[in-house]
């Protein structure tokens, strides 16, 4: 688990605790070819080393295929989803945005997409970024729900799981901010409630690359949690030294939950190096 993931974990934990809520963790393991065996369990152990333990049994999406199939069948039966054999190369001329299937396609296996109306528009209030508006048809197009290789798309799985688990607030990294409108559109199609959303700042390297895709993405050390927790606290815009006092990690986290002010969370990305050099250049 790298530092950017720790910031997302700590920020979501703090928001839950400060609001008197529970913090639930879900393993979104929907892409077996890219999965590293044992990585998810190692991440959970690292989280535990930082005192961040899920308040409910950890859900793994790889065990929930039947729920996704039932939701997809409902959409297909209602005419709200359709099979599509367009490949990425088929959609290159439209920047990957699907609005109608091409008459000549190169793929034999079909994906399944959500049918997005031409005037589809979603607006919602994010706890960090404020009002977000997206013209889904023009900016995203018809949303993939089941990939042509047979794997479930992230968008469908998280919508189904959020509803099934009764999730009230989703707190995650800002790289998923533009996915939220399509998830809300899918919630509406399935007749599901929309949770609240908060998207935390991304941690980037000196070149502005997301830390998870950077050579700077070194793993954090769950055996020595305080230094990384202090940096993550600062990355979340907090000024009170909650992790500098005496006591255990549990006591430090309790102090942090009391002192936490989500209004101080930065909107923009944060350079990892800036956290180590005194904070120069950190967003206000």
C-alpha atoms as a PDB file:
ATOM      1  CA  UNK A   1       0.000   0.000   0.000  1.00  0.00           C
ATOM      2  CA  UNK A   2       1.522   3.315  -1.080  1.00  0.00           C
ATOM      3  CA  UNK A   3       1.162   6.726   0.536  1.00  0.00           C
ATOM      4  CA  UNK A   4      -1.676   7.879  -1.732  1.00  0.00           C
ATOM      5  CA  UNK A   5      -3.759   4.922  -0.605  1.00  0.00           C
ATOM      6  CA  UNK A   6      -2.984   5.735   3.025  1.00  0.00           C
ATOM      7  CA  UNK A   7      -4.251   9.309   2.549  1.00  0.00           C
ATOM      8  CA  UNK A   8      -7.502   7.978   1.093  1.00  0.00           C
ATOM      9  CA  UNK A   9      -7.853   5.443   3.904  1.00  0.00           C
ATOM     10  CA  UNK A  10      -7.102   7.922   6.689  1.00  0.00           C
ATOM     11  CA  UNK A  11      -9.314  10.618   5.168  1.00  0.00           C
ATOM     12  CA  UNK A  12     -12.285   8.285   4.794  1.00  0.00           C
ATOM     13  CA  UNK A  13     -11.749   6.896   8.323  1.00  0.00           C
ATOM     14  CA  UNK A  14     -11.624  10.412   9.771  1.00  0.00           C
ATOM     15  CA  UNK A  15     -14.756  11.520   7.961  1.00  0.00           C
ATOM     16  CA  UNK A  16     -16.623   8.461   9.228  1.00  0.00           C
ATOM     17  CA  UNK A  17     -15.398   8.803  12.811  1.00  0.00           C
ATOM     18  CA  UNK A  18     -15.913  12.565  12.979  1.00  0.00           C
ATOM     19  CA  UNK A  19     -19.527  12.075  11.856  1.00  0.00           C
ATOM     20  CA  UNK A  20     -20.099   9.262  14.372  1.00  0.00           C
ATOM     21  CA  UNK A  21     -20.320   6.692  11.593  1.00  0.00           C
ATOM     22  CA  UNK A  22     -18.681   3.377  10.772  1.00  0.00           C
ATOM     23  CA  UNK A  23     -15.792   2.817   8.385  1.00  0.00           C
ATOM     24  CA  UNK A  24     -16.304  -0.071   5.968  1.00  0.00           C
ATOM     25  CA  UNK A  25     -13.673  -1.449   3.618  1.00  0.00           C
ATOM     26  CA  UNK A  26     -14.369  -3.254   0.355  1.00  0.00           C
ATOM     27  CA  UNK A  27     -11.866  -5.165  -1.798  1.00  0.00           C
ATOM     28  CA  UNK A  28     -12.648  -4.365  -5.418  1.00  0.00           C
ATOM     29  CA  UNK A  29     -10.940  -7.339  -7.053  1.00  0.00           C
ATOM     30  CA  UNK A  30     -12.673  -7.498 -10.413  1.00  0.00           C
ATOM     31  CA  UNK A  31      -9.676  -7.817 -12.750  1.00  0.00           C
ATOM     32  CA  UNK A  32      -7.949 -11.170 -12.070  1.00  0.00           C
ATOM     33  CA  UNK A  33      -5.326 -10.822 -14.858  1.00  0.00           C
ATOM     34  CA  UNK A  34      -3.944  -7.707 -13.134  1.00  0.00           C
ATOM     35  CA  UNK A  35      -4.283  -8.962  -9.571  1.00  0.00           C
ATOM     36  CA  UNK A  36      -1.183  -9.793  -7.549  1.00  0.00           C
ATOM     37  CA  UNK A  37      -1.829 -12.855  -5.349  1.00  0.00           C
ATOM     38  CA  UNK A  38      -1.920 -11.890  -1.686  1.00  0.00           C
ATOM     39  CA  UNK A  39      -1.804  -8.136  -2.340  1.00  0.00           C
ATOM     40  CA  UNK A  40      -5.257  -7.407  -0.903  1.00  0.00           C
ATOM     41  CA  UNK A  41      -4.542  -9.279   2.324  1.00  0.00           C
ATOM     42  CA  UNK A  42      -1.189  -7.518   2.629  1.00  0.00           C
ATOM     43  CA  UNK A  43      -2.935  -4.153   2.268  1.00  0.00           C
ATOM     44  CA  UNK A  44      -5.440  -5.064   4.992  1.00  0.00           C
ATOM     45  CA  UNK A  45      -2.568  -6.025   7.301  1.00  0.00           C
ATOM     46  CA  UNK A  46      -0.865  -2.712   6.571  1.00  0.00           C
ATOM     47  CA  UNK A  47      -4.065  -0.807   7.313  1.00  0.00           C
ATOM     48  CA  UNK A  48      -4.328  -2.651  10.618  1.00  0.00           C
ATOM     49  CA  UNK A  49      -0.775  -1.565  11.438  1.00  0.00           C
ATOM     50  CA  UNK A  50      -1.974   2.020  11.062  1.00  0.00           C
ATOM     51  CA  UNK A  51      -4.931   1.358  13.350  1.00  0.00           C
ATOM     52  CA  UNK A  52      -7.395   1.438  10.442  1.00  0.00           C
ATOM     53  CA  UNK A  53      -9.606  -1.629  10.742  1.00  0.00           C
ATOM     54  CA  UNK A  54     -12.953  -2.055   9.007  1.00  0.00           C
ATOM     55  CA  UNK A  55     -15.971  -1.847  11.318  1.00  0.00           C
ATOM     56  CA  UNK A  56     -17.744  -4.507   9.253  1.00  0.00           C
ATOM     57  CA  UNK A  57     -16.560  -7.725   7.603  1.00  0.00           C
ATOM     58  CA  UNK A  58     -14.524  -6.886   4.510  1.00  0.00           C
ATOM     59  CA  UNK A  59     -16.517  -7.503   1.333  1.00  0.00           C
ATOM     60  CA  UNK A  60     -14.749  -8.878  -1.745  1.00  0.00           C
ATOM     61  CA  UNK A  61     -16.303  -8.196  -5.111  1.00  0.00           C
ATOM     62  CA  UNK A  62     -14.899 -11.419  -6.539  1.00  0.00           C
ATOM     63  CA  UNK A  63     -17.475 -13.236  -4.386  1.00  0.00           C
ATOM     64  CA  UNK A  64     -20.505 -11.217  -5.541  1.00  0.00           C
ATOM     65  CA  UNK A  65     -20.941 -12.089  -9.221  1.00  0.00           C
ATOM     66  CA  UNK A  66     -24.561 -13.218  -8.761  1.00  0.00           C
ATOM     67  CA  UNK A  67     -25.586  -9.761  -7.513  1.00  0.00           C
ATOM     68  CA  UNK A  68     -24.043  -8.081 -10.552  1.00  0.00           C
ATOM     69  CA  UNK A  69     -25.678 -10.552 -12.932  1.00  0.00           C
ATOM     70  CA  UNK A  70     -29.106  -9.938 -11.399  1.00  0.00           C
ATOM     71  CA  UNK A  71     -28.717  -6.158 -11.804  1.00  0.00           C
ATOM     72  CA  UNK A  72     -27.484  -6.501 -15.381  1.00  0.00           C
ATOM     73  CA  UNK A  73     -30.386  -8.804 -16.309  1.00  0.00           C
ATOM     74  CA  UNK A  74     -32.827  -6.227 -14.923  1.00  0.00           C
ATOM     75  CA  UNK A  75     -31.315  -3.508 -17.094  1.00  0.00           C
ATOM     76  CA  UNK A  76     -31.318  -5.707 -20.195  1.00  0.00           C
ATOM     77  CA  UNK A  77     -34.931  -6.762 -19.651  1.00  0.00           C
ATOM     78  CA  UNK A  78     -35.980  -3.119 -19.287  1.00  0.00           C
ATOM     79  CA  UNK A  79     -34.144  -2.093 -22.465  1.00  0.00           C
ATOM     80  CA  UNK A  80     -31.801   0.117 -20.446  1.00  0.00           C
ATOM     81  CA  UNK A  81     -28.693  -1.858 -21.453  1.00  0.00           C
ATOM     82  CA  UNK A  82     -27.560  -3.423 -24.717  1.00  0.00           C
ATOM     83  CA  UNK A  83     -24.865  -5.628 -26.207  1.00  0.00           C
ATOM     84  CA  UNK A  84     -22.043  -3.855 -28.039  1.00  0.00           C
ATOM     85  CA  UNK A  85     -19.183  -5.254 -30.136  1.00  0.00           C
ATOM     86  CA  UNK A  86     -17.401  -1.985 -30.744  1.00  0.00           C
ATOM     87  CA  UNK A  87     -13.714  -2.097 -29.854  1.00  0.00           C
ATOM     88  CA  UNK A  88     -11.540   0.781 -28.719  1.00  0.00           C
ATOM     89  CA  UNK A  89     -10.190   1.171 -32.223  1.00  0.00           C
ATOM     90  CA  UNK A  90     -13.750   1.337 -33.565  1.00  0.00           C
ATOM     91  CA  UNK A  91     -14.398   4.296 -31.246  1.00  0.00           C
ATOM     92  CA  UNK A  92     -11.077   6.061 -31.781  1.00  0.00           C
ATOM     93  CA  UNK A  93     -12.645   8.698 -34.035  1.00  0.00           C
ATOM     94  CA  UNK A  94     -14.999   9.769 -31.228  1.00  0.00           C
ATOM     95  CA  UNK A  95     -12.355   9.760 -28.503  1.00  0.00           C
ATOM     96  CA  UNK A  96     -13.641   6.473 -27.117  1.00  0.00           C
ATOM     97  CA  UNK A  97     -17.141   7.865 -26.496  1.00  0.00           C
ATOM     98  CA  UNK A  98     -19.867   5.434 -27.579  1.00  0.00           C
ATOM     99  CA  UNK A  99     -23.113   6.922 -28.865  1.00  0.00           C
ATOM    100  CA  UNK A 100     -24.045   4.325 -31.505  1.00  0.00           C
ATOM    101  CA  UNK A 101     -22.588   0.982 -32.507  1.00  0.00           C
ATOM    102  CA  UNK A 102     -20.453   0.991 -35.641  1.00  0.00           C
ATOM    103  CA  UNK A 103     -21.841  -1.069 -38.539  1.00  0.00           C
ATOM    104  CA  UNK A 104     -18.479  -2.777 -39.072  1.00  0.00           C
ATOM    105  CA  UNK A 105     -16.895  -3.956 -35.841  1.00  0.00           C
ATOM    106  CA  UNK A 106     -13.764  -5.984 -35.249  1.00  0.00           C
ATOM    107  CA  UNK A 107     -14.758  -7.820 -32.078  1.00  0.00           C
ATOM    108  CA  UNK A 108     -16.698 -11.079 -31.843  1.00  0.00           C
ATOM    109  CA  UNK A 109     -17.375 -11.018 -28.101  1.00  0.00           C
ATOM    110  CA  UNK A 110     -19.932  -8.471 -26.923  1.00  0.00           C
ATOM    111  CA  UNK A 111     -19.687  -6.089 -24.026  1.00  0.00           C
ATOM    112  CA  UNK A 112     -22.837  -4.760 -22.362  1.00  0.00           C
ATOM    113  CA  UNK A 113     -23.377  -1.019 -22.034  1.00  0.00           C
ATOM    114  CA  UNK A 114     -25.834   1.219 -20.210  1.00  0.00           C
ATOM    115  CA  UNK A 115     -28.005   3.119 -22.676  1.00  0.00           C
ATOM    116  CA  UNK A 116     -27.346   6.810 -22.023  1.00  0.00           C
ATOM    117  CA  UNK A 117     -29.934   9.276 -23.342  1.00  0.00           C
ATOM    118  CA  UNK A 118     -28.719  12.123 -25.545  1.00  0.00           C
ATOM    119  CA  UNK A 119     -29.692  14.718 -22.950  1.00  0.00           C
ATOM    120  CA  UNK A 120     -28.324  12.804 -19.952  1.00  0.00           C
ATOM    121  CA  UNK A 121     -26.879  15.249 -17.446  1.00  0.00           C
ATOM    122  CA  UNK A 122     -25.937  14.604 -13.824  1.00  0.00           C
ATOM    123  CA  UNK A 123     -25.151  17.158 -11.147  1.00  0.00           C
ATOM    124  CA  UNK A 124     -24.327  16.446  -7.534  1.00  0.00           C
ATOM    125  CA  UNK A 125     -22.656  18.052  -4.526  1.00  0.00           C
ATOM    126  CA  UNK A 126     -19.297  16.654  -3.480  1.00  0.00           C
ATOM    127  CA  UNK A 127     -18.288  17.314   0.140  1.00  0.00           C
ATOM    128  CA  UNK A 128     -14.810  18.473  -0.975  1.00  0.00           C
ATOM    129  CA  UNK A 129     -15.253  19.846  -4.489  1.00  0.00           C
ATOM    130  CA  UNK A 130     -18.730  21.360  -4.288  1.00  0.00           C
ATOM    131  CA  UNK A 131     -21.153  21.281  -7.212  1.00  0.00           C
ATOM    132  CA  UNK A 132     -20.148  18.898 -10.013  1.00  0.00           C
ATOM    133  CA  UNK A 133     -21.937  18.829 -13.364  1.00  0.00           C
ATOM    134  CA  UNK A 134     -21.344  16.344 -16.157  1.00  0.00           C
ATOM    135  CA  UNK A 135     -23.013  15.981 -19.546  1.00  0.00           C
ATOM    136  CA  UNK A 136     -22.780  12.212 -19.491  1.00  0.00           C
ATOM    137  CA  UNK A 137     -23.791  11.547 -23.095  1.00  0.00           C
ATOM    138  CA  UNK A 138     -21.298  14.012 -24.555  1.00  0.00           C
ATOM    139  CA  UNK A 139     -18.435  13.470 -22.098  1.00  0.00           C
ATOM    140  CA  UNK A 140     -18.708   9.737 -21.382  1.00  0.00           C
ATOM    141  CA  UNK A 141     -21.203   8.065 -23.694  1.00  0.00           C
ATOM    142  CA  UNK A 142     -22.802   4.675 -23.150  1.00  0.00           C
ATOM    143  CA  UNK A 143     -21.217   3.175 -20.039  1.00  0.00           C
ATOM    144  CA  UNK A 144     -19.668  -0.313 -20.070  1.00  0.00           C
ATOM    145  CA  UNK A 145     -21.263  -2.614 -17.478  1.00  0.00           C
ATOM    146  CA  UNK A 146     -19.827  -5.968 -18.545  1.00  0.00           C
ATOM    147  CA  UNK A 147     -16.553  -6.076 -20.439  1.00  0.00           C
ATOM    148  CA  UNK A 148     -16.124  -8.074 -23.631  1.00  0.00           C
ATOM    149  CA  UNK A 149     -13.644 -10.354 -21.836  1.00  0.00           C
ATOM    150  CA  UNK A 150     -16.398 -11.344 -19.398  1.00  0.00           C
ATOM    151  CA  UNK A 151     -15.235  -9.326 -16.393  1.00  0.00           C
ATOM    152  CA  UNK A 152     -17.578  -6.972 -14.561  1.00  0.00           C
ATOM    153  CA  UNK A 153     -17.017  -3.266 -15.008  1.00  0.00           C
ATOM    154  CA  UNK A 154     -16.184  -1.228 -11.939  1.00  0.00           C
ATOM    155  CA  UNK A 155     -19.133   1.126 -12.456  1.00  0.00           C
ATOM    156  CA  UNK A 156     -21.783  -1.586 -12.161  1.00  0.00           C
ATOM    157  CA  UNK A 157     -20.136  -3.439  -9.293  1.00  0.00           C
ATOM    158  CA  UNK A 158     -19.713  -0.435  -7.006  1.00  0.00           C
ATOM    159  CA  UNK A 159     -23.267   0.770  -7.604  1.00  0.00           C
ATOM    160  CA  UNK A 160     -24.701  -2.649  -6.779  1.00  0.00           C
ATOM    161  CA  UNK A 161     -22.477  -3.078  -3.722  1.00  0.00           C
ATOM    162  CA  UNK A 162     -23.106   0.414  -2.333  1.00  0.00           C
ATOM    163  CA  UNK A 163     -26.837  -0.285  -2.414  1.00  0.00           C
ATOM    164  CA  UNK A 164     -26.589  -3.846  -1.103  1.00  0.00           C
ATOM    165  CA  UNK A 165     -24.383  -2.765   1.806  1.00  0.00           C
ATOM    166  CA  UNK A 166     -26.465   0.305   2.621  1.00  0.00           C
ATOM    167  CA  UNK A 167     -23.498   2.639   2.146  1.00  0.00           C
ATOM    168  CA  UNK A 168     -24.452   6.215   3.070  1.00  0.00           C
ATOM    169  CA  UNK A 169     -21.215   8.001   2.130  1.00  0.00           C
ATOM    170  CA  UNK A 170     -18.503   7.094  -0.354  1.00  0.00           C
ATOM    171  CA  UNK A 171     -15.097   8.648   0.370  1.00  0.00           C
ATOM    172  CA  UNK A 172     -12.349   7.964  -2.191  1.00  0.00           C
ATOM    173  CA  UNK A 173      -9.652   9.585  -4.314  1.00  0.00           C
ATOM    174  CA  UNK A 174     -10.334  12.447  -6.717  1.00  0.00           C
ATOM    175  CA  UNK A 175      -9.284  10.289  -9.662  1.00  0.00           C
ATOM    176  CA  UNK A 176     -12.786   8.764  -9.423  1.00  0.00           C
ATOM    177  CA  UNK A 177     -14.610  12.095  -9.314  1.00  0.00           C
ATOM    178  CA  UNK A 178     -15.591  11.961 -12.981  1.00  0.00           C
ATOM    179  CA  UNK A 179     -16.881   8.392 -12.569  1.00  0.00           C
ATOM    180  CA  UNK A 180     -19.483   9.489 -10.025  1.00  0.00           C
ATOM    181  CA  UNK A 181     -22.020  10.990 -12.471  1.00  0.00           C
ATOM    182  CA  UNK A 182     -22.173   7.770 -14.490  1.00  0.00           C
ATOM    183  CA  UNK A 183     -22.644   5.819 -11.255  1.00  0.00           C
ATOM    184  CA  UNK A 184     -25.494   8.135 -10.254  1.00  0.00           C
ATOM    185  CA  UNK A 185     -27.067   7.617 -13.686  1.00  0.00           C
ATOM    186  CA  UNK A 186     -26.819   3.869 -13.157  1.00  0.00           C
ATOM    187  CA  UNK A 187     -28.328   4.178  -9.676  1.00  0.00           C
ATOM    188  CA  UNK A 188     -31.303   5.951 -11.209  1.00  0.00           C
ATOM    189  CA  UNK A 189     -31.714   3.257 -13.848  1.00  0.00           C
ATOM    190  CA  UNK A 190     -31.765   0.570 -11.142  1.00  0.00           C
ATOM    191  CA  UNK A 191     -33.993   2.570  -8.785  1.00  0.00           C
ATOM    192  CA  UNK A 192     -31.302   2.782  -6.094  1.00  0.00           C
ATOM    193  CA  UNK A 193     -30.527   5.513  -3.585  1.00  0.00           C
ATOM    194  CA  UNK A 194     -27.575   7.822  -4.181  1.00  0.00           C
ATOM    195  CA  UNK A 195     -25.074   8.059  -1.296  1.00  0.00           C
ATOM    196  CA  UNK A 196     -23.134  11.165  -0.389  1.00  0.00           C
ATOM    197  CA  UNK A 197     -19.716  11.583  -2.001  1.00  0.00           C
ATOM    198  CA  UNK A 198     -16.380  13.064  -0.981  1.00  0.00           C
ATOM    199  CA  UNK A 199     -13.304  12.870  -3.201  1.00  0.00           C
ATOM    200  CA  UNK A 200      -9.968  13.356  -1.484  1.00  0.00           C
ATOM    201  CA  UNK A 201      -6.889  14.995  -3.060  1.00  0.00           C
ATOM    202  CA  UNK A 202      -4.549  12.859  -5.107  1.00  0.00           C
ATOM    203  CA  UNK A 203      -0.914  12.514  -4.113  1.00  0.00           C
ATOM    204  CA  UNK A 204       1.313  13.017  -7.144  1.00  0.00           C
ATOM    205  CA  UNK A 205       5.017  12.872  -7.896  1.00  0.00           C
ATOM    206  CA  UNK A 206       7.227  15.736  -9.081  1.00  0.00           C
ATOM    207  CA  UNK A 207       5.980  15.278 -12.649  1.00  0.00           C
ATOM    208  CA  UNK A 208       2.323  15.370 -11.574  1.00  0.00           C
ATOM    209  CA  UNK A 209       1.715  11.659 -12.054  1.00  0.00           C
ATOM    210  CA  UNK A 210      -0.665   9.878  -9.716  1.00  0.00           C
ATOM    211  CA  UNK A 211       1.483   8.193  -7.079  1.00  0.00           C
ATOM    212  CA  UNK A 212       0.127   4.707  -7.788  1.00  0.00           C
ATOM    213  CA  UNK A 213       1.481   5.015 -11.345  1.00  0.00           C
ATOM    214  CA  UNK A 214       4.794   6.535 -10.312  1.00  0.00           C
ATOM    215  CA  UNK A 215       8.206   5.229  -9.363  1.00  0.00           C
ATOM    216  CA  UNK A 216       7.689   7.220  -6.147  1.00  0.00           C
ATOM    217  CA  UNK A 217       4.976   4.778  -5.038  1.00  0.00           C
ATOM    218  CA  UNK A 218       7.049   3.082  -2.370  1.00  0.00           C
ATOM    219  CA  UNK A 219       5.059   1.069   0.178  1.00  0.00           C
ATOM    220  CA  UNK A 220       4.256   2.605   3.545  1.00  0.00           C
ATOM    221  CA  UNK A 221       5.488   0.844   6.675  1.00  0.00           C
ATOM    222  CA  UNK A 222       2.744  -0.440   8.968  1.00  0.00           C
ATOM    223  CA  UNK A 223       5.389  -1.325  11.572  1.00  0.00           C
ATOM    224  CA  UNK A 224       6.319   2.367  11.984  1.00  0.00           C
ATOM    225  CA  UNK A 225       3.015   4.166  11.343  1.00  0.00           C
ATOM    226  CA  UNK A 226       3.428   7.590  12.979  1.00  0.00           C
ATOM    227  CA  UNK A 227       5.674   9.308  10.381  1.00  0.00           C
ATOM    228  CA  UNK A 228       3.363   8.391   7.495  1.00  0.00           C
ATOM    229  CA  UNK A 229       0.246   9.243   9.516  1.00  0.00           C
ATOM    230  CA  UNK A 230       1.663  12.713  10.235  1.00  0.00           C
ATOM    231  CA  UNK A 231       2.297  13.272   6.527  1.00  0.00           C
ATOM    232  CA  UNK A 232      -1.159  11.964   5.574  1.00  0.00           C
ATOM    233  CA  UNK A 233      -2.745  14.263   8.175  1.00  0.00           C
ATOM    234  CA  UNK A 234      -0.948  17.232   6.610  1.00  0.00           C
ATOM    235  CA  UNK A 235      -1.922  16.116   3.119  1.00  0.00           C
ATOM    236  CA  UNK A 236      -5.542  16.337   4.260  1.00  0.00           C
ATOM    237  CA  UNK A 237      -4.990  20.003   5.116  1.00  0.00           C
ATOM    238  CA  UNK A 238      -5.082  19.585   8.882  1.00  0.00           C
ATOM    239  CA  UNK A 239      -2.954  21.880  11.031  1.00  0.00           C
ATOM    240  CA  UNK A 240      -3.433  20.632  14.624  1.00  0.00           C
ATOM    241  CA  UNK A 241      -0.569  18.209  15.482  1.00  0.00           C
ATOM    242  CA  UNK A 242      -2.856  15.312  16.332  1.00  0.00           C
ATOM    243  CA  UNK A 243      -0.172  12.669  15.786  1.00  0.00           C
ATOM    244  CA  UNK A 244       2.585  14.414  17.779  1.00  0.00           C
ATOM    245  CA  UNK A 245       1.318  13.820  21.316  1.00  0.00           C
ATOM    246  CA  UNK A 246       1.928  10.896  23.687  1.00  0.00           C
ATOM    247  CA  UNK A 247       0.024   7.637  23.679  1.00  0.00           C
ATOM    248  CA  UNK A 248      -0.775   4.781  21.341  1.00  0.00           C
ATOM    249  CA  UNK A 249      -1.798   4.874  17.702  1.00  0.00           C
ATOM    250  CA  UNK A 250      -5.389   4.337  18.846  1.00  0.00           C
ATOM    251  CA  UNK A 251      -5.197   7.406  21.100  1.00  0.00           C
ATOM    252  CA  UNK A 252      -3.616   9.466  18.311  1.00  0.00           C
ATOM    253  CA  UNK A 253      -6.368   8.465  15.896  1.00  0.00           C
ATOM    254  CA  UNK A 254      -8.995   9.354  18.498  1.00  0.00           C
ATOM    255  CA  UNK A 255      -7.422  12.812  18.883  1.00  0.00           C
ATOM    256  CA  UNK A 256      -7.333  13.210  15.126  1.00  0.00           C
ATOM    257  CA  UNK A 257     -11.017  12.291  14.784  1.00  0.00           C
ATOM    258  CA  UNK A 258     -11.930  14.990  17.306  1.00  0.00           C
ATOM    259  CA  UNK A 259      -9.745  17.663  15.690  1.00  0.00           C
ATOM    260  CA  UNK A 260     -10.507  16.781  12.070  1.00  0.00           C
ATOM    261  CA  UNK A 261     -12.098  19.506   9.916  1.00  0.00           C
ATOM    262  CA  UNK A 262     -13.171  18.241   6.496  1.00  0.00           C
ATOM    263  CA  UNK A 263     -13.537  21.843   5.281  1.00  0.00           C
ATOM    264  CA  UNK A 264      -9.732  22.083   5.286  1.00  0.00           C
ATOM    265  CA  UNK A 265      -9.271  19.224   2.819  1.00  0.00           C
ATOM    266  CA  UNK A 266      -7.514  20.553  -0.314  1.00  0.00           C
ATOM    267  CA  UNK A 267      -9.260  20.221  -3.661  1.00  0.00           C
ATOM    268  CA  UNK A 268      -6.212  20.007  -5.873  1.00  0.00           C
ATOM    269  CA  UNK A 269      -3.490  17.361  -6.137  1.00  0.00           C
ATOM    270  CA  UNK A 270      -0.605  17.425  -3.673  1.00  0.00           C
ATOM    271  CA  UNK A 271       3.010  16.833  -4.620  1.00  0.00           C
ATOM    272  CA  UNK A 272       4.493  14.112  -2.435  1.00  0.00           C
ATOM    273  CA  UNK A 273       7.805  15.990  -2.202  1.00  0.00           C
ATOM    274  CA  UNK A 274       6.057  19.080  -0.799  1.00  0.00           C
ATOM    275  CA  UNK A 275       5.010  17.122   2.280  1.00  0.00           C
ATOM    276  CA  UNK A 276       8.666  16.419   3.086  1.00  0.00           C
ATOM    277  CA  UNK A 277      10.060  19.913   2.606  1.00  0.00           C
ATOM    278  CA  UNK A 278       7.903  21.842   5.039  1.00  0.00           C
ATOM    279  CA  UNK A 279       4.748  21.944   2.994  1.00  0.00           C
ATOM    280  CA  UNK A 280       5.664  24.674   0.520  1.00  0.00           C
ATOM    281  CA  UNK A 281       3.250  24.577  -2.389  1.00  0.00           C
ATOM    282  CA  UNK A 282       0.519  22.712  -0.549  1.00  0.00           C
ATOM    283  CA  UNK A 283      -2.978  23.813  -1.614  1.00  0.00           C
ATOM    284  CA  UNK A 284      -4.885  25.991   0.845  1.00  0.00           C
END
